[in-house]
Amino acid sequence: MRTIERVCVYCGSSPGSDPRYRGAASELGAGLAARGIELVFGGGRNGLMGCVADAVLAGGGRAVGIMPAHLQHRELAHTGLSELVIVADMHQRKRLMAERADAFAVLPGGVGTLDETIEILSWRQLGLHQKPIFIIDIAGYWSPLAALFERLVGAHFAAPLVPTLVRFVSDVGALFGCLYDIPESGE
C-alpha cells in the first residue's frame, strides 16, 4: 500500500454559502494534523483555504502554502504557515503543488478550484502522475461534476473517469478511509 505523507487540498478562497463546507474544511485540517499528513494548498488565509490551514496548524500539523506573487495580497497570504512558497505564476503554483503532494483532495470551491481539479485530473489521464484524486462531495456540491463526467463518457469523449482516475467520496471521514486503502500503483 502507498503511504500518503502530503495531501494537496483544492478549495475555495471564500467560505461558500453552506456552513457544512466550512465544517468539512475544519474536519479535514484537523484530520490531516492528527494523522501527521502535511497540507499542501494555495496559501490563502481566507475562506475554506484558511479554514483547512488553521485547523492543521491548531492540531500541530504542517501546512505549506504555494502562492503566485501577484496573488499574495489579493488572496491575503496566510502568515502563520509552516512554509509559504512564493512563485512567479499560476503555472508554477500548480506544478509545485502537484510535485509536493502524494494525493489530492477537493472541497467545494469556485472557478479556480475547478481549474486545479480538472488540470490535475487531465495530468493523471495523460499519465503524468499516478497520484490518487478525491473529490469530497459535501452536501452534493460536486454532484453536477460527477454527472458531467458521466456525460463525457456517455458521449464517448472520455474513458470512464470514476473510479479509475478520480474518486468521489461523500465526506471527510470517507476520504480518510480511502487514503489508507490505496494500492502502490495509485489505482
N, C-alpha and C. Protein backbone atom coordinates (compact mmCIF):
# COMPACT_ATOMS: atom_id res chain seq x y z
N MET A 1 0.82 -1.19 0.00
CA MET A 1 0.00 0.00 0.00
C MET A 1 0.87 1.26 0.00
N ARG A 2 0.39 2.25 -0.66
CA ARG A 2 1.08 3.53 -0.76
C ARG A 2 0.94 4.31 0.54
N THR A 3 2.00 4.99 0.96
CA THR A 3 1.95 5.84 2.14
C THR A 3 1.69 7.27 1.69
N ILE A 4 0.69 7.87 2.30
CA ILE A 4 0.35 9.26 1.99
C ILE A 4 0.91 10.15 3.10
N GLU A 5 1.89 10.98 2.74
CA GLU A 5 2.52 11.89 3.70
C GLU A 5 2.11 13.34 3.49
N ARG A 6 1.68 13.68 2.26
CA ARG A 6 1.31 15.05 1.92
C ARG A 6 0.06 15.03 1.03
N VAL A 7 -0.94 15.80 1.40
CA VAL A 7 -2.16 15.91 0.61
C VAL A 7 -2.32 17.35 0.14
N CYS A 8 -2.50 17.51 -1.16
CA CYS A 8 -2.80 18.82 -1.73
C CYS A 8 -4.31 18.98 -1.68
N VAL A 9 -4.76 20.07 -1.09
CA VAL A 9 -6.19 20.35 -0.98
C VAL A 9 -6.52 21.54 -1.86
N TYR A 10 -7.46 21.32 -2.78
CA TYR A 10 -8.02 22.40 -3.59
C TYR A 10 -9.36 22.78 -2.99
N CYS A 11 -9.57 24.06 -2.77
CA CYS A 11 -10.84 24.52 -2.20
C CYS A 11 -10.96 26.03 -2.36
N GLY A 12 -12.10 26.55 -1.99
CA GLY A 12 -12.40 27.96 -2.20
C GLY A 12 -11.66 28.92 -1.30
N SER A 13 -11.39 30.10 -1.84
CA SER A 13 -10.84 31.19 -1.03
C SER A 13 -11.98 31.98 -0.39
N SER A 14 -13.18 31.48 -0.58
CA SER A 14 -14.39 32.01 0.06
C SER A 14 -14.97 30.87 0.91
N PRO A 15 -15.76 31.18 1.93
CA PRO A 15 -16.32 30.10 2.75
C PRO A 15 -17.54 29.43 2.11
N GLY A 16 -18.10 30.02 1.06
CA GLY A 16 -19.29 29.46 0.45
C GLY A 16 -20.53 29.77 1.28
N SER A 17 -21.66 29.29 0.80
CA SER A 17 -22.95 29.64 1.41
C SER A 17 -23.45 28.64 2.44
N ASP A 18 -22.88 27.46 2.46
CA ASP A 18 -23.37 26.40 3.34
C ASP A 18 -22.37 26.18 4.48
N PRO A 19 -22.78 26.27 5.73
CA PRO A 19 -21.84 26.08 6.84
C PRO A 19 -21.20 24.69 6.87
N ARG A 20 -21.79 23.73 6.17
CA ARG A 20 -21.20 22.39 6.11
C ARG A 20 -19.87 22.39 5.37
N TYR A 21 -19.68 23.33 4.45
CA TYR A 21 -18.41 23.41 3.73
C TYR A 21 -17.28 23.78 4.69
N ARG A 22 -17.55 24.76 5.51
CA ARG A 22 -16.55 25.21 6.50
C ARG A 22 -16.29 24.11 7.53
N GLY A 23 -17.36 23.43 7.94
CA GLY A 23 -17.20 22.32 8.88
C GLY A 23 -16.33 21.22 8.30
N ALA A 24 -16.54 20.91 7.02
CA ALA A 24 -15.73 19.88 6.36
C ALA A 24 -14.28 20.32 6.24
N ALA A 25 -14.05 21.59 5.95
CA ALA A 25 -12.68 22.11 5.84
C ALA A 25 -11.95 21.99 7.18
N SER A 26 -12.63 22.34 8.26
CA SER A 26 -12.03 22.21 9.60
C SER A 26 -11.77 20.76 9.94
N GLU A 27 -12.73 19.90 9.62
CA GLU A 27 -12.56 18.46 9.89
C GLU A 27 -11.39 17.88 9.09
N LEU A 28 -11.27 18.30 7.85
CA LEU A 28 -10.16 17.82 7.01
C LEU A 28 -8.83 18.27 7.60
N GLY A 29 -8.71 19.54 7.94
CA GLY A 29 -7.46 20.04 8.50
C GLY A 29 -7.09 19.35 9.80
N ALA A 30 -8.06 19.19 10.69
CA ALA A 30 -7.80 18.51 11.97
C ALA A 30 -7.40 17.06 11.73
N GLY A 31 -8.06 16.41 10.78
CA GLY A 31 -7.74 15.02 10.47
C GLY A 31 -6.36 14.86 9.87
N LEU A 32 -5.96 15.77 9.02
CA LEU A 32 -4.60 15.72 8.46
C LEU A 32 -3.57 15.85 9.57
N ALA A 33 -3.77 16.84 10.43
CA ALA A 33 -2.82 17.06 11.54
C ALA A 33 -2.75 15.84 12.44
N ALA A 34 -3.89 15.28 12.79
CA ALA A 34 -3.94 14.13 13.70
C ALA A 34 -3.22 12.91 13.12
N ARG A 35 -3.19 12.81 11.81
CA ARG A 35 -2.57 11.67 11.13
C ARG A 35 -1.13 11.96 10.69
N GLY A 36 -0.65 13.16 10.99
CA GLY A 36 0.71 13.53 10.60
C GLY A 36 0.88 13.72 9.11
N ILE A 37 -0.21 14.07 8.42
CA ILE A 37 -0.17 14.30 6.97
C ILE A 37 -0.04 15.80 6.72
N GLU A 38 0.95 16.17 5.95
CA GLU A 38 1.19 17.58 5.63
C GLU A 38 0.15 18.10 4.64
N LEU A 39 -0.29 19.32 4.87
CA LEU A 39 -1.19 20.01 3.95
C LEU A 39 -0.37 20.81 2.95
N VAL A 40 -0.70 20.65 1.67
CA VAL A 40 -0.17 21.50 0.61
C VAL A 40 -1.39 22.18 0.01
N PHE A 41 -1.36 23.52 -0.08
CA PHE A 41 -2.54 24.24 -0.57
C PHE A 41 -2.12 25.59 -1.15
N GLY A 42 -3.09 26.36 -1.56
CA GLY A 42 -2.83 27.62 -2.25
C GLY A 42 -2.28 28.75 -1.41
N GLY A 43 -2.26 28.63 -0.10
CA GLY A 43 -1.59 29.60 0.75
C GLY A 43 -2.44 30.75 1.26
N GLY A 44 -3.72 30.78 0.93
CA GLY A 44 -4.57 31.88 1.38
C GLY A 44 -5.05 31.71 2.81
N ARG A 45 -5.37 32.84 3.45
CA ARG A 45 -5.86 32.76 4.83
C ARG A 45 -7.37 32.86 4.91
N ASN A 46 -8.03 33.17 3.80
CA ASN A 46 -9.48 33.35 3.79
C ASN A 46 -10.22 32.09 3.33
N GLY A 47 -11.51 32.08 3.58
CA GLY A 47 -12.38 31.04 3.07
C GLY A 47 -12.03 29.65 3.54
N LEU A 48 -12.37 28.67 2.71
CA LEU A 48 -12.09 27.29 3.07
C LEU A 48 -10.60 27.01 3.13
N MET A 49 -9.83 27.70 2.28
CA MET A 49 -8.37 27.54 2.31
C MET A 49 -7.83 27.86 3.70
N GLY A 50 -8.20 29.02 4.21
CA GLY A 50 -7.73 29.42 5.53
C GLY A 50 -8.23 28.51 6.62
N CYS A 51 -9.45 28.04 6.48
CA CYS A 51 -10.05 27.15 7.47
C CYS A 51 -9.29 25.83 7.58
N VAL A 52 -8.97 25.23 6.43
CA VAL A 52 -8.20 23.98 6.43
C VAL A 52 -6.84 24.22 7.08
N ALA A 53 -6.16 25.27 6.66
CA ALA A 53 -4.82 25.56 7.19
C ALA A 53 -4.86 25.84 8.69
N ASP A 54 -5.83 26.63 9.13
CA ASP A 54 -5.93 26.94 10.56
C ASP A 54 -6.13 25.67 11.38
N ALA A 55 -6.96 24.75 10.88
CA ALA A 55 -7.21 23.51 11.62
C ALA A 55 -5.96 22.62 11.65
N VAL A 56 -5.22 22.59 10.56
CA VAL A 56 -3.96 21.83 10.54
C VAL A 56 -3.00 22.40 11.58
N LEU A 57 -2.83 23.70 11.55
CA LEU A 57 -1.89 24.35 12.47
C LEU A 57 -2.34 24.22 13.93
N ALA A 58 -3.64 24.36 14.17
CA ALA A 58 -4.16 24.21 15.54
C ALA A 58 -3.93 22.80 16.07
N GLY A 59 -3.90 21.83 15.16
CA GLY A 59 -3.66 20.45 15.55
C GLY A 59 -2.19 20.08 15.61
N GLY A 60 -1.31 21.06 15.42
CA GLY A 60 0.12 20.80 15.48
C GLY A 60 0.70 20.23 14.20
N GLY A 61 -0.06 20.31 13.10
CA GLY A 61 0.41 19.79 11.82
C GLY A 61 1.20 20.80 11.02
N ARG A 62 1.63 20.37 9.86
CA ARG A 62 2.44 21.19 8.96
C ARG A 62 1.58 21.62 7.78
N ALA A 63 1.56 22.93 7.49
CA ALA A 63 0.80 23.50 6.38
C ALA A 63 1.73 24.29 5.47
N VAL A 64 1.77 23.89 4.21
CA VAL A 64 2.62 24.54 3.22
C VAL A 64 1.74 25.21 2.18
N GLY A 65 1.88 26.54 2.08
CA GLY A 65 1.13 27.31 1.09
C GLY A 65 2.01 27.65 -0.08
N ILE A 66 1.43 27.59 -1.29
CA ILE A 66 2.16 27.94 -2.50
C ILE A 66 1.33 28.97 -3.24
N MET A 67 1.89 30.17 -3.41
CA MET A 67 1.11 31.28 -3.93
C MET A 67 1.93 32.10 -4.94
N PRO A 68 1.32 32.45 -6.06
CA PRO A 68 2.00 33.34 -7.01
C PRO A 68 2.13 34.75 -6.41
N ALA A 69 3.20 35.41 -6.74
CA ALA A 69 3.46 36.74 -6.19
C ALA A 69 2.30 37.70 -6.44
N HIS A 70 1.67 37.62 -7.61
CA HIS A 70 0.60 38.57 -7.92
C HIS A 70 -0.67 38.34 -7.10
N LEU A 71 -0.78 37.18 -6.45
CA LEU A 71 -1.95 36.91 -5.60
C LEU A 71 -1.65 37.07 -4.11
N GLN A 72 -0.41 37.33 -3.80
CA GLN A 72 0.00 37.38 -2.39
C GLN A 72 -0.86 38.34 -1.58
N HIS A 73 -1.20 39.48 -2.13
CA HIS A 73 -2.02 40.45 -1.40
C HIS A 73 -3.49 40.26 -1.70
N ARG A 74 -3.83 39.89 -2.93
CA ARG A 74 -5.24 39.69 -3.29
C ARG A 74 -5.87 38.57 -2.48
N GLU A 75 -5.17 37.45 -2.34
CA GLU A 75 -5.69 36.32 -1.58
C GLU A 75 -5.32 36.40 -0.11
N LEU A 76 -4.62 37.44 0.25
CA LEU A 76 -4.20 37.62 1.63
C LEU A 76 -3.49 36.38 2.15
N ALA A 77 -2.24 36.28 1.82
CA ALA A 77 -1.43 35.12 2.19
C ALA A 77 -1.52 34.85 3.69
N HIS A 78 -1.63 33.59 4.02
CA HIS A 78 -1.68 33.15 5.41
C HIS A 78 -0.29 33.34 5.99
N THR A 79 -0.19 34.10 7.06
CA THR A 79 1.14 34.43 7.61
C THR A 79 1.62 33.46 8.67
N GLY A 80 0.78 32.53 9.11
CA GLY A 80 1.18 31.63 10.17
C GLY A 80 1.57 30.24 9.71
N LEU A 81 1.81 30.07 8.42
CA LEU A 81 2.07 28.74 7.87
C LEU A 81 3.44 28.19 8.27
N SER A 82 3.57 26.89 8.18
CA SER A 82 4.87 26.24 8.38
C SER A 82 5.84 26.69 7.31
N GLU A 83 5.30 26.88 6.09
CA GLU A 83 6.11 27.32 4.96
C GLU A 83 5.19 28.00 3.96
N LEU A 84 5.60 29.17 3.47
CA LEU A 84 4.89 29.86 2.39
C LEU A 84 5.88 30.02 1.25
N VAL A 85 5.56 29.44 0.12
CA VAL A 85 6.42 29.50 -1.06
C VAL A 85 5.78 30.47 -2.05
N ILE A 86 6.51 31.50 -2.41
CA ILE A 86 6.02 32.47 -3.39
C ILE A 86 6.66 32.11 -4.74
N VAL A 87 5.80 31.92 -5.74
CA VAL A 87 6.26 31.55 -7.08
C VAL A 87 5.87 32.65 -8.07
N ALA A 88 6.37 32.53 -9.29
CA ALA A 88 6.17 33.58 -10.30
C ALA A 88 4.75 33.63 -10.84
N ASP A 89 4.10 32.48 -11.03
CA ASP A 89 2.80 32.49 -11.70
C ASP A 89 1.97 31.26 -11.34
N MET A 90 0.75 31.22 -11.87
CA MET A 90 -0.17 30.12 -11.57
C MET A 90 0.35 28.78 -12.08
N HIS A 91 1.04 28.78 -13.19
CA HIS A 91 1.57 27.53 -13.73
C HIS A 91 2.58 26.92 -12.76
N GLN A 92 3.47 27.75 -12.23
CA GLN A 92 4.44 27.26 -11.24
C GLN A 92 3.72 26.79 -9.97
N ARG A 93 2.70 27.52 -9.56
CA ARG A 93 1.95 27.15 -8.36
C ARG A 93 1.38 25.75 -8.52
N LYS A 94 0.67 25.53 -9.61
CA LYS A 94 0.02 24.23 -9.82
C LYS A 94 1.05 23.10 -9.95
N ARG A 95 2.14 23.37 -10.66
CA ARG A 95 3.18 22.35 -10.82
C ARG A 95 3.80 21.99 -9.47
N LEU A 96 4.16 22.99 -8.69
CA LEU A 96 4.81 22.74 -7.40
C LEU A 96 3.85 22.06 -6.43
N MET A 97 2.60 22.47 -6.42
CA MET A 97 1.61 21.80 -5.56
C MET A 97 1.52 20.32 -5.93
N ALA A 98 1.48 20.03 -7.22
CA ALA A 98 1.38 18.65 -7.69
C ALA A 98 2.63 17.85 -7.33
N GLU A 99 3.79 18.47 -7.49
CA GLU A 99 5.04 17.78 -7.18
C GLU A 99 5.16 17.45 -5.70
N ARG A 100 4.68 18.33 -4.84
CA ARG A 100 4.85 18.16 -3.41
C ARG A 100 3.80 17.27 -2.76
N ALA A 101 2.78 16.87 -3.52
CA ALA A 101 1.67 16.08 -2.97
C ALA A 101 1.80 14.60 -3.31
N ASP A 102 1.26 13.78 -2.41
CA ASP A 102 1.13 12.34 -2.66
C ASP A 102 -0.29 11.99 -3.08
N ALA A 103 -1.23 12.89 -2.82
CA ALA A 103 -2.64 12.70 -3.16
C ALA A 103 -3.30 14.07 -3.21
N PHE A 104 -4.50 14.12 -3.80
CA PHE A 104 -5.24 15.36 -3.96
C PHE A 104 -6.64 15.18 -3.39
N ALA A 105 -7.11 16.21 -2.67
CA ALA A 105 -8.47 16.22 -2.13
C ALA A 105 -9.11 17.54 -2.52
N VAL A 106 -10.35 17.46 -2.97
CA VAL A 106 -11.05 18.64 -3.46
C VAL A 106 -12.28 18.89 -2.61
N LEU A 107 -12.33 20.05 -1.99
CA LEU A 107 -13.51 20.53 -1.26
C LEU A 107 -14.27 21.50 -2.17
N PRO A 108 -15.44 21.96 -1.77
CA PRO A 108 -16.15 22.96 -2.58
C PRO A 108 -15.28 24.19 -2.84
N GLY A 109 -15.51 24.79 -3.98
CA GLY A 109 -14.78 25.98 -4.38
C GLY A 109 -15.35 26.53 -5.67
N GLY A 110 -14.69 27.53 -6.21
CA GLY A 110 -15.16 28.19 -7.41
C GLY A 110 -14.37 27.81 -8.65
N VAL A 111 -14.23 28.77 -9.55
CA VAL A 111 -13.59 28.52 -10.83
C VAL A 111 -12.14 28.07 -10.66
N GLY A 112 -11.40 28.69 -9.73
CA GLY A 112 -10.01 28.30 -9.51
C GLY A 112 -9.89 26.87 -9.02
N THR A 113 -10.78 26.47 -8.11
CA THR A 113 -10.79 25.10 -7.61
C THR A 113 -11.11 24.13 -8.74
N LEU A 114 -12.07 24.48 -9.54
CA LEU A 114 -12.44 23.64 -10.68
C LEU A 114 -11.29 23.53 -11.67
N ASP A 115 -10.62 24.64 -11.93
CA ASP A 115 -9.46 24.65 -12.83
C ASP A 115 -8.37 23.70 -12.32
N GLU A 116 -8.02 23.83 -11.06
CA GLU A 116 -6.98 22.98 -10.49
C GLU A 116 -7.38 21.50 -10.54
N THR A 117 -8.64 21.23 -10.25
CA THR A 117 -9.13 19.85 -10.24
C THR A 117 -9.07 19.24 -11.63
N ILE A 118 -9.58 19.96 -12.61
CA ILE A 118 -9.59 19.44 -13.98
C ILE A 118 -8.17 19.27 -14.51
N GLU A 119 -7.29 20.21 -14.19
CA GLU A 119 -5.92 20.09 -14.67
C GLU A 119 -5.22 18.88 -14.07
N ILE A 120 -5.36 18.67 -12.76
CA ILE A 120 -4.66 17.53 -12.15
C ILE A 120 -5.27 16.21 -12.63
N LEU A 121 -6.56 16.21 -12.90
CA LEU A 121 -7.22 15.04 -13.46
C LEU A 121 -6.73 14.78 -14.89
N SER A 122 -6.59 15.84 -15.67
CA SER A 122 -6.07 15.71 -17.03
C SER A 122 -4.64 15.17 -17.02
N TRP A 123 -3.82 15.67 -16.11
CA TRP A 123 -2.45 15.17 -15.99
C TRP A 123 -2.44 13.68 -15.66
N ARG A 124 -3.37 13.28 -14.80
CA ARG A 124 -3.45 11.85 -14.45
C ARG A 124 -3.87 11.04 -15.67
N GLN A 125 -4.86 11.51 -16.42
CA GLN A 125 -5.33 10.81 -17.60
C GLN A 125 -4.21 10.68 -18.63
N LEU A 126 -3.36 11.69 -18.72
CA LEU A 126 -2.25 11.66 -19.66
C LEU A 126 -1.05 10.86 -19.16
N GLY A 127 -1.14 10.33 -17.94
CA GLY A 127 -0.06 9.52 -17.39
C GLY A 127 1.08 10.32 -16.81
N LEU A 128 0.86 11.60 -16.55
CA LEU A 128 1.92 12.43 -15.98
C LEU A 128 2.11 12.21 -14.49
N HIS A 129 1.14 11.60 -13.84
CA HIS A 129 1.26 11.17 -12.44
C HIS A 129 0.28 10.04 -12.19
N GLN A 130 0.48 9.33 -11.10
CA GLN A 130 -0.41 8.24 -10.70
C GLN A 130 -0.94 8.47 -9.29
N LYS A 131 -0.99 9.72 -8.88
CA LYS A 131 -1.43 10.05 -7.52
C LYS A 131 -2.95 10.06 -7.45
N PRO A 132 -3.50 9.54 -6.36
CA PRO A 132 -4.96 9.50 -6.25
C PRO A 132 -5.59 10.89 -6.09
N ILE A 133 -6.78 11.01 -6.66
CA ILE A 133 -7.55 12.26 -6.62
C ILE A 133 -8.90 11.94 -6.01
N PHE A 134 -9.27 12.70 -4.98
CA PHE A 134 -10.55 12.51 -4.30
C PHE A 134 -11.34 13.80 -4.34
N ILE A 135 -12.58 13.71 -4.74
CA ILE A 135 -13.48 14.85 -4.71
C ILE A 135 -14.46 14.61 -3.57
N ILE A 136 -14.43 15.50 -2.58
CA ILE A 136 -15.28 15.36 -1.40
C ILE A 136 -16.58 16.10 -1.67
N ASP A 137 -17.63 15.34 -1.87
CA ASP A 137 -18.91 15.86 -2.33
C ASP A 137 -19.78 16.31 -1.16
N ILE A 138 -19.34 17.34 -0.47
CA ILE A 138 -20.05 17.85 0.70
C ILE A 138 -21.43 18.37 0.28
N ALA A 139 -22.47 17.82 0.88
CA ALA A 139 -23.85 18.26 0.64
C ALA A 139 -24.22 18.24 -0.84
N GLY A 140 -23.61 17.33 -1.60
CA GLY A 140 -23.92 17.22 -3.02
C GLY A 140 -23.34 18.31 -3.90
N TYR A 141 -22.40 19.09 -3.36
CA TYR A 141 -21.84 20.22 -4.11
C TYR A 141 -21.27 19.80 -5.47
N TRP A 142 -20.54 18.68 -5.50
CA TRP A 142 -19.88 18.26 -6.72
C TRP A 142 -20.71 17.28 -7.55
N SER A 143 -21.95 17.01 -7.18
CA SER A 143 -22.79 16.10 -7.95
C SER A 143 -22.93 16.50 -9.43
N PRO A 144 -23.07 17.79 -9.74
CA PRO A 144 -23.12 18.17 -11.16
C PRO A 144 -21.83 17.81 -11.92
N LEU A 145 -20.69 17.87 -11.24
CA LEU A 145 -19.43 17.49 -11.88
C LEU A 145 -19.41 15.99 -12.15
N ALA A 146 -19.89 15.20 -11.20
CA ALA A 146 -19.96 13.75 -11.41
C ALA A 146 -20.87 13.45 -12.60
N ALA A 147 -21.98 14.16 -12.71
CA ALA A 147 -22.89 13.97 -13.85
C ALA A 147 -22.21 14.37 -15.16
N LEU A 148 -21.43 15.44 -15.14
CA LEU A 148 -20.70 15.86 -16.33
C LEU A 148 -19.70 14.78 -16.75
N PHE A 149 -18.99 14.21 -15.78
CA PHE A 149 -18.06 13.14 -16.10
C PHE A 149 -18.79 11.97 -16.77
N GLU A 150 -19.95 11.62 -16.24
CA GLU A 150 -20.75 10.54 -16.85
C GLU A 150 -21.15 10.92 -18.28
N ARG A 151 -21.49 12.19 -18.48
CA ARG A 151 -21.86 12.66 -19.82
C ARG A 151 -20.68 12.56 -20.78
N LEU A 152 -19.49 12.93 -20.34
CA LEU A 152 -18.30 12.82 -21.18
C LEU A 152 -18.08 11.37 -21.64
N VAL A 153 -18.24 10.46 -20.71
CA VAL A 153 -18.07 9.04 -21.01
C VAL A 153 -19.19 8.56 -21.94
N GLY A 154 -20.43 8.92 -21.61
CA GLY A 154 -21.57 8.51 -22.42
C GLY A 154 -21.51 9.02 -23.84
N ALA A 155 -20.94 10.19 -24.04
CA ALA A 155 -20.81 10.78 -25.37
C ALA A 155 -19.53 10.33 -26.07
N HIS A 156 -18.78 9.44 -25.44
CA HIS A 156 -17.54 8.87 -26.00
C HIS A 156 -16.44 9.91 -26.21
N PHE A 157 -16.37 10.88 -25.29
CA PHE A 157 -15.26 11.82 -25.29
C PHE A 157 -14.22 11.46 -24.23
N ALA A 158 -14.53 10.48 -23.40
CA ALA A 158 -13.58 10.06 -22.36
C ALA A 158 -13.87 8.61 -21.98
N ALA A 159 -12.81 7.92 -21.59
CA ALA A 159 -12.97 6.60 -20.98
C ALA A 159 -13.50 6.83 -19.57
N PRO A 160 -14.04 5.82 -18.94
CA PRO A 160 -14.55 6.02 -17.57
C PRO A 160 -13.51 6.68 -16.65
N LEU A 161 -13.91 7.79 -16.06
CA LEU A 161 -13.02 8.53 -15.15
C LEU A 161 -13.19 8.08 -13.71
N VAL A 162 -14.43 7.75 -13.35
CA VAL A 162 -14.78 7.38 -11.98
C VAL A 162 -14.99 5.88 -11.96
N PRO A 163 -14.38 5.10 -11.12
CA PRO A 163 -13.39 5.46 -10.11
C PRO A 163 -11.95 5.28 -10.58
N THR A 164 -11.73 5.09 -11.87
CA THR A 164 -10.39 4.80 -12.37
C THR A 164 -9.40 5.93 -12.11
N LEU A 165 -9.77 7.17 -12.44
CA LEU A 165 -8.84 8.30 -12.30
C LEU A 165 -9.16 9.21 -11.13
N VAL A 166 -10.42 9.24 -10.72
CA VAL A 166 -10.85 10.13 -9.65
C VAL A 166 -11.93 9.41 -8.86
N ARG A 167 -11.95 9.64 -7.55
CA ARG A 167 -12.99 9.04 -6.71
C ARG A 167 -13.78 10.15 -6.02
N PHE A 168 -15.08 10.00 -6.06
CA PHE A 168 -15.97 10.89 -5.31
C PHE A 168 -16.25 10.23 -3.97
N VAL A 169 -16.10 10.98 -2.89
CA VAL A 169 -16.44 10.49 -1.55
C VAL A 169 -17.43 11.46 -0.94
N SER A 170 -18.26 10.96 -0.06
CA SER A 170 -19.37 11.77 0.45
C SER A 170 -18.96 12.73 1.56
N ASP A 171 -17.88 12.42 2.27
CA ASP A 171 -17.49 13.28 3.39
C ASP A 171 -16.02 13.07 3.73
N VAL A 172 -15.54 13.83 4.68
CA VAL A 172 -14.13 13.78 5.07
C VAL A 172 -13.77 12.42 5.68
N GLY A 173 -14.67 11.85 6.47
CA GLY A 173 -14.40 10.53 7.04
C GLY A 173 -14.17 9.49 5.96
N ALA A 174 -14.96 9.54 4.90
CA ALA A 174 -14.79 8.60 3.79
C ALA A 174 -13.45 8.82 3.09
N LEU A 175 -13.03 10.07 2.98
CA LEU A 175 -11.72 10.36 2.40
C LEU A 175 -10.62 9.67 3.19
N PHE A 176 -10.64 9.83 4.52
CA PHE A 176 -9.58 9.23 5.32
C PHE A 176 -9.62 7.71 5.23
N GLY A 177 -10.80 7.13 5.11
CA GLY A 177 -10.90 5.69 4.90
C GLY A 177 -10.21 5.26 3.61
N CYS A 178 -10.35 6.06 2.57
CA CYS A 178 -9.74 5.76 1.26
C CYS A 178 -8.24 5.98 1.26
N LEU A 179 -7.75 6.97 2.00
CA LEU A 179 -6.32 7.27 1.98
C LEU A 179 -5.47 6.11 2.47
N TYR A 180 -6.06 5.26 3.28
CA TYR A 180 -5.29 4.14 3.81
C TYR A 180 -5.55 2.86 3.04
N ASP A 181 -6.22 2.97 1.90
CA ASP A 181 -6.56 1.81 1.09
C ASP A 181 -6.19 2.07 -0.37
N ILE A 182 -4.99 2.63 -0.58
CA ILE A 182 -4.55 2.96 -1.93
C ILE A 182 -3.43 2.02 -2.33
N PRO A 183 -3.65 1.22 -3.38
CA PRO A 183 -2.58 0.34 -3.86
C PRO A 183 -1.36 1.14 -4.30
N GLU A 184 -0.22 0.51 -4.35
CA GLU A 184 1.04 1.17 -4.71
C GLU A 184 0.95 1.84 -6.08
N SER A 185 0.19 1.29 -7.01
CA SER A 185 0.08 1.85 -8.36
C SER A 185 -0.75 3.11 -8.38
N GLY A 186 -1.50 3.39 -7.29
CA GLY A 186 -2.33 4.58 -7.26
C GLY A 186 -3.73 4.34 -7.79
N GLU A 187 -4.01 3.16 -8.29
CA GLU A 187 -5.34 2.86 -8.86
C GLU A 187 -6.34 2.55 -7.79
